[in-house]
Amino acid sequence: MNFFDNAGVMAIGTRLRMLSEKLTEDASRIYEMYEVALKPKWFPVFYVLSQNGQKSITTIANEIGHSHPSVSKIVREMVKEGILSEKKDSKDGRKNNIVLTARGKNIANQILEQYHDVEHAVQAMLDQSRHNMWQAIEEFEFLLEQKSMLKRVTEEKKQREALKVQIVNYEPKYHPFFKSINEDWINTHFVMEEADRRSLENPKEYILDKGGDILVALYDGEPAGVCALIKMNDPEYDYELAKMAVSSKAKGKGIGWLLGKAVENQARAMGARKIYLESNTILKPAINLYHKLGFKKVIGHTTPYKRCNIQMELEL
């Protein structure tokens, strides 16, 4: 049974690591064959110094794409072997530069034949390959720079979990959830106010009967989030987006975004031109979501809430 045949492309990290280990093992033997006193992991540091003279550890780390601690450890090992040394920077006495010692320079001359043979051996293998791995690695690295593997998997996770989300209209059976989830987040960050109590105790009277609406997000059939559209008596705004909350158990599944888009579409279907909302900047995930939905900051509107320190609007 072949592990990679079964695991497929999701084992790419394991496969690249095994390939790296195989090449590193051969590299150690190649250094021995040419009697070059280097270890494979030292090569990037040694090469940049042999080509460009003295450099700080930070500069080396940036050039070879390693972390500062990793380069520091390698430099210490090579200093101990007499290949590198540290010297004060001529322009900044507070900074140390790393340089090749006399022994390091001898190795730099000695290794040239090894460079020639290794380069030709690798190029010959690339020429024999159907796909040029060097170019493929460059392309793969570029794609990861644009968007990390973590980000890509996170997006796939959200897309898969979004298929389990259903946005439905409010029914009386959802009232306990609507009330409790909003009370939880308000009491966690602020203090319940009279306007909260009225709308949460009797959403039918204070929201639905006045021309508003409430949407409920179900995840796997269970309530996971809510959001209300409250009809406004305002010449500029038609509805207020309010009482948006997502269960802590359902965080990270894109439910806030799906609720926001559903409320936006509902407001548009109800003839709204602008949606208004009030929030507080300590609720950073919520503020980021509102910006993502297209809301923009506005000022100058009266509010019944002491906790409000930011007001936003969305033109439909």
C-alpha atoms as a PDB file:
ATOM      1  CA  MET A   1       0.000   0.000   0.000  1.00  0.00           C
ATOM      2  CA  ASN A   2       1.492   3.335  -1.092  1.00  0.00           C
ATOM      3  CA  PHE A   3       0.842   6.094   1.439  1.00  0.00           C
ATOM      4  CA  PHE A   4       1.118   8.900  -1.108  1.00  0.00           C
ATOM      5  CA  ASP A   5      -1.232   7.194  -3.556  1.00  0.00           C
ATOM      6  CA  ASN A   6      -3.840   7.009  -0.807  1.00  0.00           C
ATOM      7  CA  ALA A   7      -3.247  10.368   0.876  1.00  0.00           C
ATOM      8  CA  GLY A   8      -2.876  12.242  -2.392  1.00  0.00           C
ATOM      9  CA  VAL A   9      -1.959  15.925  -2.676  1.00  0.00           C
ATOM     10  CA  MET A  10      -2.792  16.732   0.935  1.00  0.00           C
ATOM     11  CA  ALA A  11       0.467  14.957   1.866  1.00  0.00           C
ATOM     12  CA  ILE A  12       2.536  17.441  -0.149  1.00  0.00           C
ATOM     13  CA  GLY A  13       4.301  18.725   2.993  1.00  0.00           C
ATOM     14  CA  THR A  14       5.285  15.205   4.040  1.00  0.00           C
ATOM     15  CA  ARG A  15       6.490  14.375   0.544  1.00  0.00           C
ATOM     16  CA  LEU A  16       8.577  17.541   0.242  1.00  0.00           C
ATOM     17  CA  ARG A  17      10.067  16.911   3.685  1.00  0.00           C
ATOM     18  CA  MET A  18      11.044  13.359   2.719  1.00  0.00           C
ATOM     19  CA  LEU A  19      12.548  14.629  -0.533  1.00  0.00           C
ATOM     20  CA  SER A  20      14.478  17.282   1.414  1.00  0.00           C
ATOM     21  CA  GLU A  21      15.789  14.670   3.841  1.00  0.00           C
ATOM     22  CA  LYS A  22      16.921  12.451   0.961  1.00  0.00           C
ATOM     23  CA  LEU A  23      18.728  15.332  -0.764  1.00  0.00           C
ATOM     24  CA  THR A  24      20.287  16.475   2.518  1.00  0.00           C
ATOM     25  CA  GLU A  25      21.627  12.982   3.176  1.00  0.00           C
ATOM     26  CA  ASP A  26      23.223  12.909  -0.271  1.00  0.00           C
ATOM     27  CA  ALA A  27      24.554  16.443   0.229  1.00  0.00           C
ATOM     28  CA  SER A  28      26.417  15.359   3.379  1.00  0.00           C
ATOM     29  CA  ARG A  29      28.116  12.572   1.426  1.00  0.00           C
ATOM     30  CA  ILE A  30      28.936  14.943  -1.422  1.00  0.00           C
ATOM     31  CA  TYR A  31      30.702  17.330   0.987  1.00  0.00           C
ATOM     32  CA  GLU A  32      32.687  14.373   2.302  1.00  0.00           C
ATOM     33  CA  MET A  33      33.548  13.261  -1.223  1.00  0.00           C
ATOM     34  CA  TYR A  34      35.006  16.686  -2.048  1.00  0.00           C
ATOM     35  CA  GLU A  35      36.564  16.948   1.438  1.00  0.00           C
ATOM     36  CA  VAL A  36      34.716  20.198   2.093  1.00  0.00           C
ATOM     37  CA  ALA A  37      34.234  20.857   5.806  1.00  0.00           C
ATOM     38  CA  LEU A  38      30.636  22.101   5.624  1.00  0.00           C
ATOM     39  CA  LYS A  39      27.268  20.796   6.700  1.00  0.00           C
ATOM     40  CA  PRO A  40      24.301  21.074   4.299  1.00  0.00           C
ATOM     41  CA  LYS A  41      22.362  23.350   6.676  1.00  0.00           C
ATOM     42  CA  TRP A  42      25.282  25.807   6.689  1.00  0.00           C
ATOM     43  CA  PHE A  43      25.283  26.239   2.915  1.00  0.00           C
ATOM     44  CA  PRO A  44      22.899  29.247   2.535  1.00  0.00           C
ATOM     45  CA  VAL A  45      24.802  31.302   5.143  1.00  0.00           C
ATOM     46  CA  PHE A  46      28.172  30.268   3.742  1.00  0.00           C
ATOM     47  CA  TYR A  47      27.154  30.994   0.156  1.00  0.00           C
ATOM     48  CA  VAL A  48      25.869  34.550   0.682  1.00  0.00           C
ATOM     49  CA  LEU A  49      28.966  35.463   2.688  1.00  0.00           C
ATOM     50  CA  SER A  50      31.327  33.909   0.135  1.00  0.00           C
ATOM     51  CA  GLN A  51      29.622  35.883  -2.647  1.00  0.00           C
ATOM     52  CA  ASN A  52      29.001  39.230  -0.979  1.00  0.00           C
ATOM     53  CA  GLY A  53      31.442  39.632   1.900  1.00  0.00           C
ATOM     54  CA  GLN A  54      30.428  40.737   5.382  1.00  0.00           C
ATOM     55  CA  LYS A  55      26.788  40.949   6.442  1.00  0.00           C
ATOM     56  CA  SER A  56      24.759  41.265   9.617  1.00  0.00           C
ATOM     57  CA  ILE A  57      22.725  38.311  10.832  1.00  0.00           C
ATOM     58  CA  THR A  58      19.525  40.216  10.056  1.00  0.00           C
ATOM     59  CA  THR A  59      20.646  40.818   6.462  1.00  0.00           C
ATOM     60  CA  ILE A  60      21.605  37.177   6.012  1.00  0.00           C
ATOM     61  CA  ALA A  61      18.273  36.017   7.425  1.00  0.00           C
ATOM     62  CA  ASN A  62      16.365  38.284   5.038  1.00  0.00           C
ATOM     63  CA  GLU A  63      18.379  37.131   2.024  1.00  0.00           C
ATOM     64  CA  ILE A  64      18.035  33.399   2.618  1.00  0.00           C
ATOM     65  CA  GLY A  65      14.499  33.485   4.017  1.00  0.00           C
ATOM     66  CA  HIS A  66      15.383  32.002   7.406  1.00  0.00           C
ATOM     67  CA  SER A  67      14.434  33.281  10.846  1.00  0.00           C
ATOM     68  CA  HIS A  68      16.902  35.401  12.808  1.00  0.00           C
ATOM     69  CA  PRO A  69      17.254  32.763  15.590  1.00  0.00           C
ATOM     70  CA  SER A  70      17.923  30.040  13.011  1.00  0.00           C
ATOM     71  CA  VAL A  71      20.705  32.068  11.346  1.00  0.00           C
ATOM     72  CA  SER A  72      22.161  33.014  14.744  1.00  0.00           C
ATOM     73  CA  LYS A  73      22.416  29.342  15.685  1.00  0.00           C
ATOM     74  CA  ILE A  74      24.102  28.410  12.398  1.00  0.00           C
ATOM     75  CA  VAL A  75      26.548  31.323  12.702  1.00  0.00           C
ATOM     76  CA  ARG A  76      27.494  30.226  16.225  1.00  0.00           C
ATOM     77  CA  GLU A  77      28.179  26.702  14.978  1.00  0.00           C
ATOM     78  CA  MET A  78      30.323  27.977  12.099  1.00  0.00           C
ATOM     79  CA  VAL A  79      32.211  30.405  14.337  1.00  0.00           C
ATOM     80  CA  LYS A  80      33.002  27.483  16.649  1.00  0.00           C
ATOM     81  CA  GLU A  81      34.429  25.577  13.639  1.00  0.00           C
ATOM     82  CA  GLY A  82      36.588  28.575  12.656  1.00  0.00           C
ATOM     83  CA  ILE A  83      34.769  29.170   9.370  1.00  0.00           C
ATOM     84  CA  LEU A  84      33.165  32.489  10.337  1.00  0.00           C
ATOM     85  CA  SER A  85      33.991  35.316  12.708  1.00  0.00           C
ATOM     86  CA  GLU A  86      32.297  38.458  13.961  1.00  0.00           C
ATOM     87  CA  LYS A  87      33.640  41.985  13.537  1.00  0.00           C
ATOM     88  CA  LYS A  88      32.365  45.416  14.433  1.00  0.00           C
ATOM     89  CA  ASP A  89      30.713  47.372  11.651  1.00  0.00           C
ATOM     90  CA  SER A  90      33.022  50.180  10.530  1.00  0.00           C
ATOM     91  CA  LYS A  91      30.122  52.655  10.313  1.00  0.00           C
ATOM     92  CA  ASP A  92      28.124  51.496  13.344  1.00  0.00           C
ATOM     93  CA  GLY A  93      30.130  50.163  16.275  1.00  0.00           C
ATOM     94  CA  ARG A  94      26.962  48.814  17.905  1.00  0.00           C
ATOM     95  CA  LYS A  95      26.442  46.332  15.081  1.00  0.00           C
ATOM     96  CA  ASN A  96      28.416  43.148  14.398  1.00  0.00           C
ATOM     97  CA  ASN A  97      28.962  41.783  10.907  1.00  0.00           C
ATOM     98  CA  ILE A  98      29.693  38.175  10.024  1.00  0.00           C
ATOM     99  CA  VAL A  99      32.666  37.425   7.774  1.00  0.00           C
ATOM    100  CA  LEU A 100      34.552  34.409   6.445  1.00  0.00           C
ATOM    101  CA  THR A 101      37.752  33.590   8.268  1.00  0.00           C
ATOM    102  CA  ALA A 102      40.915  32.551   6.429  1.00  0.00           C
ATOM    103  CA  ARG A 103      39.682  28.964   6.742  1.00  0.00           C
ATOM    104  CA  GLY A 104      36.290  29.989   5.367  1.00  0.00           C
ATOM    105  CA  LYS A 105      37.908  31.656   2.367  1.00  0.00           C
ATOM    106  CA  ASN A 106      39.957  28.518   1.665  1.00  0.00           C
ATOM    107  CA  ILE A 107      36.744  26.475   1.701  1.00  0.00           C
ATOM    108  CA  ALA A 108      35.175  29.010  -0.694  1.00  0.00           C
ATOM    109  CA  ASN A 109      37.973  28.320  -3.181  1.00  0.00           C
ATOM    110  CA  GLN A 110      37.978  24.584  -2.555  1.00  0.00           C
ATOM    111  CA  ILE A 111      34.226  24.198  -3.134  1.00  0.00           C
ATOM    112  CA  LEU A 112      34.158  25.655  -6.656  1.00  0.00           C
ATOM    113  CA  GLU A 113      34.620  22.275  -8.365  1.00  0.00           C
ATOM    114  CA  GLN A 114      31.832  20.845  -6.219  1.00  0.00           C
ATOM    115  CA  TYR A 115      29.567  23.723  -7.292  1.00  0.00           C
ATOM    116  CA  HIS A 116      30.307  22.942 -10.951  1.00  0.00           C
ATOM    117  CA  ASP A 117      29.527  19.242 -10.637  1.00  0.00           C
ATOM    118  CA  VAL A 118      26.405  19.662  -8.487  1.00  0.00           C
ATOM    119  CA  GLU A 119      24.950  22.333 -10.759  1.00  0.00           C
ATOM    120  CA  HIS A 120      25.452  20.184 -13.860  1.00  0.00           C
ATOM    121  CA  ALA A 121      24.039  17.077 -12.128  1.00  0.00           C
ATOM    122  CA  VAL A 122      20.897  18.940 -11.027  1.00  0.00           C
ATOM    123  CA  GLN A 123      20.437  20.576 -14.426  1.00  0.00           C
ATOM    124  CA  ALA A 124      20.770  17.205 -16.157  1.00  0.00           C
ATOM    125  CA  MET A 125      18.069  15.770 -13.897  1.00  0.00           C
ATOM    126  CA  LEU A 126      15.784  18.747 -14.594  1.00  0.00           C
ATOM    127  CA  ASP A 127      16.354  18.266 -18.330  1.00  0.00           C
ATOM    128  CA  GLN A 128      15.343  14.617 -17.988  1.00  0.00           C
ATOM    129  CA  SER A 129      12.172  15.524 -16.096  1.00  0.00           C
ATOM    130  CA  ARG A 130       8.834  16.002 -17.771  1.00  0.00           C
ATOM    131  CA  HIS A 131       8.118  18.887 -15.416  1.00  0.00           C
ATOM    132  CA  ASN A 132      10.789  21.374 -14.374  1.00  0.00           C
ATOM    133  CA  MET A 133      10.684  21.104 -10.593  1.00  0.00           C
ATOM    134  CA  TRP A 134      12.751  24.248 -10.050  1.00  0.00           C
ATOM    135  CA  GLN A 135      10.251  26.372 -11.944  1.00  0.00           C
ATOM    136  CA  ALA A 136       7.336  24.568 -10.279  1.00  0.00           C
ATOM    137  CA  ILE A 137       8.775  25.340  -6.833  1.00  0.00           C
ATOM    138  CA  GLU A 138       9.178  29.011  -7.769  1.00  0.00           C
ATOM    139  CA  GLU A 139       5.558  29.122  -8.894  1.00  0.00           C
ATOM    140  CA  PHE A 140       4.332  27.307  -5.774  1.00  0.00           C
ATOM    141  CA  GLU A 141       6.308  29.674  -3.526  1.00  0.00           C
ATOM    142  CA  PHE A 142       4.817  32.658  -5.351  1.00  0.00           C
ATOM    143  CA  LEU A 143       1.298  31.332  -4.835  1.00  0.00           C
ATOM    144  CA  LEU A 144       1.960  30.772  -1.112  1.00  0.00           C
ATOM    145  CA  GLU A 145       3.269  34.337  -0.805  1.00  0.00           C
ATOM    146  CA  GLN A 146       0.002  35.597  -2.271  1.00  0.00           C
ATOM    147  CA  LYS A 147      -2.049  33.434   0.081  1.00  0.00           C
ATOM    148  CA  SER A 148      -0.706  31.052   2.731  1.00  0.00           C
ATOM    149  CA  MET A 149      -1.743  27.419   2.976  1.00  0.00           C
ATOM    150  CA  LEU A 150      -3.413  28.243   6.306  1.00  0.00           C
ATOM    151  CA  LYS A 151      -5.498  30.954   4.629  1.00  0.00           C
ATOM    152  CA  ARG A 152      -6.432  28.656   1.748  1.00  0.00           C
ATOM    153  CA  VAL A 153      -7.520  25.824   4.050  1.00  0.00           C
ATOM    154  CA  THR A 154      -9.431  28.281   6.243  1.00  0.00           C
ATOM    155  CA  GLU A 155     -11.364  29.473   3.195  1.00  0.00           C
ATOM    156  CA  GLU A 156     -12.141  25.910   2.148  1.00  0.00           C
ATOM    157  CA  LYS A 157     -13.342  25.170   5.692  1.00  0.00           C
ATOM    158  CA  LYS A 158     -15.664  28.174   5.653  1.00  0.00           C
ATOM    159  CA  GLN A 159     -17.050  27.266   2.221  1.00  0.00           C
ATOM    160  CA  ARG A 160     -17.763  23.707   3.337  1.00  0.00           C
ATOM    161  CA  GLU A 161     -19.329  24.783   6.605  1.00  0.00           C
ATOM    162  CA  ALA A 162     -21.376  27.487   4.854  1.00  0.00           C
ATOM    163  CA  LEU A 163     -23.250  24.705   3.069  1.00  0.00           C
ATOM    164  CA  LYS A 164     -24.574  23.654   6.494  1.00  0.00           C
ATOM    165  CA  VAL A 165     -25.959  27.152   7.179  1.00  0.00           C
ATOM    166  CA  GLN A 166     -29.571  27.975   6.442  1.00  0.00           C
ATOM    167  CA  ILE A 167     -31.017  31.471   6.899  1.00  0.00           C
ATOM    168  CA  VAL A 168     -34.675  31.392   7.912  1.00  0.00           C
ATOM    169  CA  ASN A 169     -37.330  33.866   9.004  1.00  0.00           C
ATOM    170  CA  TYR A 170     -37.977  34.403  12.690  1.00  0.00           C
ATOM    171  CA  GLU A 171     -40.641  32.296  14.393  1.00  0.00           C
ATOM    172  CA  PRO A 172     -41.831  32.427  18.016  1.00  0.00           C
ATOM    173  CA  LYS A 173     -39.926  29.196  18.738  1.00  0.00           C
ATOM    174  CA  TYR A 174     -36.662  31.079  18.146  1.00  0.00           C
ATOM    175  CA  HIS A 175     -37.439  33.765  20.746  1.00  0.00           C
ATOM    176  CA  PRO A 176     -35.503  32.103  23.628  1.00  0.00           C
ATOM    177  CA  PHE A 177     -32.411  31.874  21.432  1.00  0.00           C
ATOM    178  CA  PHE A 178     -32.808  35.433  20.079  1.00  0.00           C
ATOM    179  CA  LYS A 179     -33.112  36.790  23.614  1.00  0.00           C
ATOM    180  CA  SER A 180     -30.398  34.755  25.316  1.00  0.00           C
ATOM    181  CA  ILE A 181     -27.691  35.116  22.661  1.00  0.00           C
ATOM    182  CA  ASN A 182     -28.077  38.904  22.600  1.00  0.00           C
ATOM    183  CA  GLU A 183     -28.169  39.147  26.377  1.00  0.00           C
ATOM    184  CA  ASP A 184     -24.968  37.099  26.545  1.00  0.00           C
ATOM    185  CA  TRP A 185     -22.883  39.347  24.311  1.00  0.00           C
ATOM    186  CA  ILE A 186     -24.295  42.565  25.761  1.00  0.00           C
ATOM    187  CA  ASN A 187     -23.633  41.472  29.351  1.00  0.00           C
ATOM    188  CA  THR A 188     -20.160  40.222  28.375  1.00  0.00           C
ATOM    189  CA  HIS A 189     -19.030  43.579  26.999  1.00  0.00           C
ATOM    190  CA  PHE A 190     -21.468  46.190  28.289  1.00  0.00           C
ATOM    191  CA  VAL A 191     -24.608  46.643  30.426  1.00  0.00           C
ATOM    192  CA  MET A 192     -28.155  45.886  29.367  1.00  0.00           C
ATOM    193  CA  GLU A 193     -30.108  49.062  28.588  1.00  0.00           C
ATOM    194  CA  GLU A 194     -33.827  49.777  28.419  1.00  0.00           C
ATOM    195  CA  ALA A 195     -33.875  49.735  24.601  1.00  0.00           C
ATOM    196  CA  ASP A 196     -32.316  46.253  24.731  1.00  0.00           C
ATOM    197  CA  ARG A 197     -34.869  44.927  27.161  1.00  0.00           C
ATOM    198  CA  ARG A 198     -37.847  46.140  25.138  1.00  0.00           C
ATOM    199  CA  SER A 199     -36.757  44.616  21.851  1.00  0.00           C
ATOM    200  CA  LEU A 200     -35.453  41.371  23.349  1.00  0.00           C
ATOM    201  CA  GLU A 201     -38.430  40.743  25.622  1.00  0.00           C
ATOM    202  CA  ASN A 202     -40.997  41.362  22.914  1.00  0.00           C
ATOM    203  CA  PRO A 203     -39.463  41.315  19.410  1.00  0.00           C
ATOM    204  CA  LYS A 204     -42.871  40.869  17.804  1.00  0.00           C
ATOM    205  CA  GLU A 205     -44.179  44.156  19.204  1.00  0.00           C
ATOM    206  CA  TYR A 206     -41.025  46.243  18.970  1.00  0.00           C
ATOM    207  CA  ILE A 207     -39.552  44.886  15.740  1.00  0.00           C
ATOM    208  CA  LEU A 208     -41.874  42.759  13.600  1.00  0.00           C
ATOM    209  CA  ASP A 209     -45.178  44.623  14.095  1.00  0.00           C
ATOM    210  CA  LYS A 210     -43.467  47.929  13.292  1.00  0.00           C
ATOM    211  CA  GLY A 211     -42.383  46.744   9.843  1.00  0.00           C
ATOM    212  CA  GLY A 212     -39.056  45.198  10.714  1.00  0.00           C
ATOM    213  CA  ASP A 213     -37.749  41.677  10.346  1.00  0.00           C
ATOM    214  CA  ILE A 214     -35.551  39.130  12.103  1.00  0.00           C
ATOM    215  CA  LEU A 215     -33.461  36.458  10.394  1.00  0.00           C
ATOM    216  CA  VAL A 216     -32.124  33.357  12.098  1.00  0.00           C
ATOM    217  CA  ALA A 217     -29.070  31.366  10.972  1.00  0.00           C
ATOM    218  CA  LEU A 218     -29.350  27.615  11.483  1.00  0.00           C
ATOM    219  CA  TYR A 219     -26.227  25.451  11.514  1.00  0.00           C
ATOM    220  CA  ASP A 220     -26.974  21.788  11.051  1.00  0.00           C
ATOM    221  CA  GLY A 221     -30.573  22.684  11.843  1.00  0.00           C
ATOM    222  CA  GLU A 222     -29.795  24.365  15.177  1.00  0.00           C
ATOM    223  CA  PRO A 223     -29.996  28.152  15.822  1.00  0.00           C
ATOM    224  CA  ALA A 224     -26.506  29.632  15.595  1.00  0.00           C
ATOM    225  CA  GLY A 225     -27.010  33.331  14.858  1.00  0.00           C
ATOM    226  CA  VAL A 226     -29.566  36.115  14.582  1.00  0.00           C
ATOM    227  CA  CYS A 227     -29.888  39.568  13.089  1.00  0.00           C
ATOM    228  CA  ALA A 228     -32.720  42.095  13.059  1.00  0.00           C
ATOM    229  CA  LEU A 229     -33.848  44.835  10.714  1.00  0.00           C
ATOM    230  CA  ILE A 230     -35.604  47.537  12.712  1.00  0.00           C
ATOM    231  CA  LYS A 231     -37.845  49.981  10.861  1.00  0.00           C
ATOM    232  CA  MET A 232     -36.672  53.569  11.431  1.00  0.00           C
ATOM    233  CA  ASN A 233     -38.619  56.814  11.509  1.00  0.00           C
ATOM    234  CA  ASP A 234     -35.810  58.700   9.852  1.00  0.00           C
ATOM    235  CA  PRO A 235     -35.798  60.670   6.578  1.00  0.00           C
ATOM    236  CA  GLU A 236     -32.329  59.341   5.716  1.00  0.00           C
ATOM    237  CA  TYR A 237     -32.495  55.705   6.754  1.00  0.00           C
ATOM    238  CA  ASP A 238     -35.113  53.016   6.199  1.00  0.00           C
ATOM    239  CA  TYR A 239     -33.863  50.277   8.524  1.00  0.00           C
ATOM    240  CA  GLU A 240     -31.353  49.725  11.287  1.00  0.00           C
ATOM    241  CA  LEU A 241     -29.287  46.549  11.335  1.00  0.00           C
ATOM    242  CA  ALA A 242     -29.339  45.488  14.984  1.00  0.00           C
ATOM    243  CA  LYS A 243     -29.121  42.612  17.423  1.00  0.00           C
ATOM    244  CA  MET A 244     -26.647  40.669  15.290  1.00  0.00           C
ATOM    245  CA  ALA A 245     -25.099  37.868  17.310  1.00  0.00           C
ATOM    246  CA  VAL A 246     -23.479  34.513  16.549  1.00  0.00           C
ATOM    247  CA  SER A 247     -23.134  31.635  18.982  1.00  0.00           C
ATOM    248  CA  SER A 248     -19.618  31.132  20.333  1.00  0.00           C
ATOM    249  CA  LYS A 249     -19.868  27.493  19.236  1.00  0.00           C
ATOM    250  CA  ALA A 250     -20.398  28.624  15.636  1.00  0.00           C
ATOM    251  CA  LYS A 251     -17.638  31.231  15.408  1.00  0.00           C
ATOM    252  CA  GLY A 252     -15.317  31.037  12.415  1.00  0.00           C
ATOM    253  CA  LYS A 253     -17.884  29.466  10.103  1.00  0.00           C
ATOM    254  CA  GLY A 254     -18.739  32.649   8.187  1.00  0.00           C
ATOM    255  CA  ILE A 255     -22.215  32.851   9.739  1.00  0.00           C
ATOM    256  CA  GLY A 256     -21.894  36.582  10.464  1.00  0.00           C
ATOM    257  CA  TRP A 257     -21.123  37.242   6.813  1.00  0.00           C
ATOM    258  CA  LEU A 258     -23.999  35.085   5.589  1.00  0.00           C
ATOM    259  CA  LEU A 259     -26.400  36.786   8.004  1.00  0.00           C
ATOM    260  CA  GLY A 260     -25.178  40.214   6.953  1.00  0.00           C
ATOM    261  CA  LYS A 261     -25.651  39.490   3.250  1.00  0.00           C
ATOM    262  CA  ALA A 262     -29.083  37.941   3.898  1.00  0.00           C
ATOM    263  CA  VAL A 263     -30.181  41.013   5.870  1.00  0.00           C
ATOM    264  CA  GLU A 264     -28.869  43.273   3.123  1.00  0.00           C
ATOM    265  CA  ASN A 265     -30.862  41.355   0.498  1.00  0.00           C
ATOM    266  CA  GLN A 266     -33.941  41.381   2.714  1.00  0.00           C
ATOM    267  CA  ALA A 267     -33.709  45.145   3.194  1.00  0.00           C
ATOM    268  CA  ARG A 268     -33.355  45.648  -0.535  1.00  0.00           C
ATOM    269  CA  ALA A 269     -36.415  43.458  -1.148  1.00  0.00           C
ATOM    270  CA  MET A 270     -38.322  45.606   1.362  1.00  0.00           C
ATOM    271  CA  GLY A 271     -37.483  48.720  -0.648  1.00  0.00           C
ATOM    272  CA  ALA A 272     -34.717  50.100   1.555  1.00  0.00           C
ATOM    273  CA  ARG A 273     -32.218  52.620   0.188  1.00  0.00           C
ATOM    274  CA  LYS A 274     -29.892  52.784   3.199  1.00  0.00           C
ATOM    275  CA  ILE A 275     -29.224  50.646   6.253  1.00  0.00           C
ATOM    276  CA  TYR A 276     -27.933  52.152   9.482  1.00  0.00           C
ATOM    277  CA  LEU A 277     -26.187  50.525  12.429  1.00  0.00           C
ATOM    278  CA  GLU A 278     -24.662  51.399  15.785  1.00  0.00           C
ATOM    279  CA  SER A 279     -21.813  49.582  17.478  1.00  0.00           C
ATOM    280  CA  ASN A 280     -18.732  49.978  19.621  1.00  0.00           C
ATOM    281  CA  THR A 281     -15.144  49.853  18.388  1.00  0.00           C
ATOM    282  CA  ILE A 282     -14.101  47.349  21.081  1.00  0.00           C
ATOM    283  CA  LEU A 283     -16.087  44.789  19.056  1.00  0.00           C
ATOM    284  CA  LYS A 284     -13.316  44.507  16.474  1.00  0.00           C
ATOM    285  CA  PRO A 285     -14.542  41.354  14.679  1.00  0.00           C
ATOM    286  CA  ALA A 286     -17.974  42.954  14.263  1.00  0.00           C
ATOM    287  CA  ILE A 287     -16.530  46.242  12.976  1.00  0.00           C
ATOM    288  CA  ASN A 288     -14.335  44.327  10.516  1.00  0.00           C
ATOM    289  CA  LEU A 289     -17.398  42.424   9.312  1.00  0.00           C
ATOM    290  CA  TYR A 290     -19.372  45.630   8.786  1.00  0.00           C
ATOM    291  CA  HIS A 291     -16.523  47.110   6.747  1.00  0.00           C
ATOM    292  CA  LYS A 292     -16.354  43.912   4.703  1.00  0.00           C
ATOM    293  CA  LEU A 293     -20.102  44.162   4.060  1.00  0.00           C
ATOM    294  CA  GLY A 294     -19.582  47.694   2.747  1.00  0.00           C
ATOM    295  CA  PHE A 295     -20.685  49.821   5.699  1.00  0.00           C
ATOM    296  CA  LYS A 296     -19.006  53.213   6.108  1.00  0.00           C
ATOM    297  CA  LYS A 297     -18.611  55.353   9.211  1.00  0.00           C
ATOM    298  CA  VAL A 298     -20.975  58.318   9.694  1.00  0.00           C
ATOM    299  CA  ILE A 299     -21.436  60.836  12.503  1.00  0.00           C
ATOM    300  CA  GLY A 300     -24.049  63.109  13.968  1.00  0.00           C
ATOM    301  CA  HIS A 301     -26.972  60.815  14.743  1.00  0.00           C
ATOM    302  CA  THR A 302     -28.638  60.578  18.128  1.00  0.00           C
ATOM    303  CA  THR A 303     -28.630  57.180  19.828  1.00  0.00           C
ATOM    304  CA  PRO A 304     -30.507  55.617  22.750  1.00  0.00           C
ATOM    305  CA  TYR A 305     -27.463  53.490  23.653  1.00  0.00           C
ATOM    306  CA  LYS A 306     -24.702  54.620  26.022  1.00  0.00           C
ATOM    307  CA  ARG A 307     -22.358  51.968  24.583  1.00  0.00           C
ATOM    308  CA  CYS A 308     -22.511  53.327  21.024  1.00  0.00           C
ATOM    309  CA  ASN A 309     -19.328  55.075  19.866  1.00  0.00           C
ATOM    310  CA  ILE A 310     -19.517  54.356  16.135  1.00  0.00           C
ATOM    311  CA  GLN A 311     -22.330  54.706  13.606  1.00  0.00           C
ATOM    312  CA  MET A 312     -22.240  53.277  10.099  1.00  0.00           C
ATOM    313  CA  GLU A 313     -24.356  53.171   6.967  1.00  0.00           C
ATOM    314  CA  LEU A 314     -24.715  51.043   3.869  1.00  0.00           C
ATOM    315  CA  GLU A 315     -26.123  52.364   0.620  1.00  0.00           C
ATOM    316  CA  LEU A 316     -28.055  49.690  -1.258  1.00  0.00           C
END
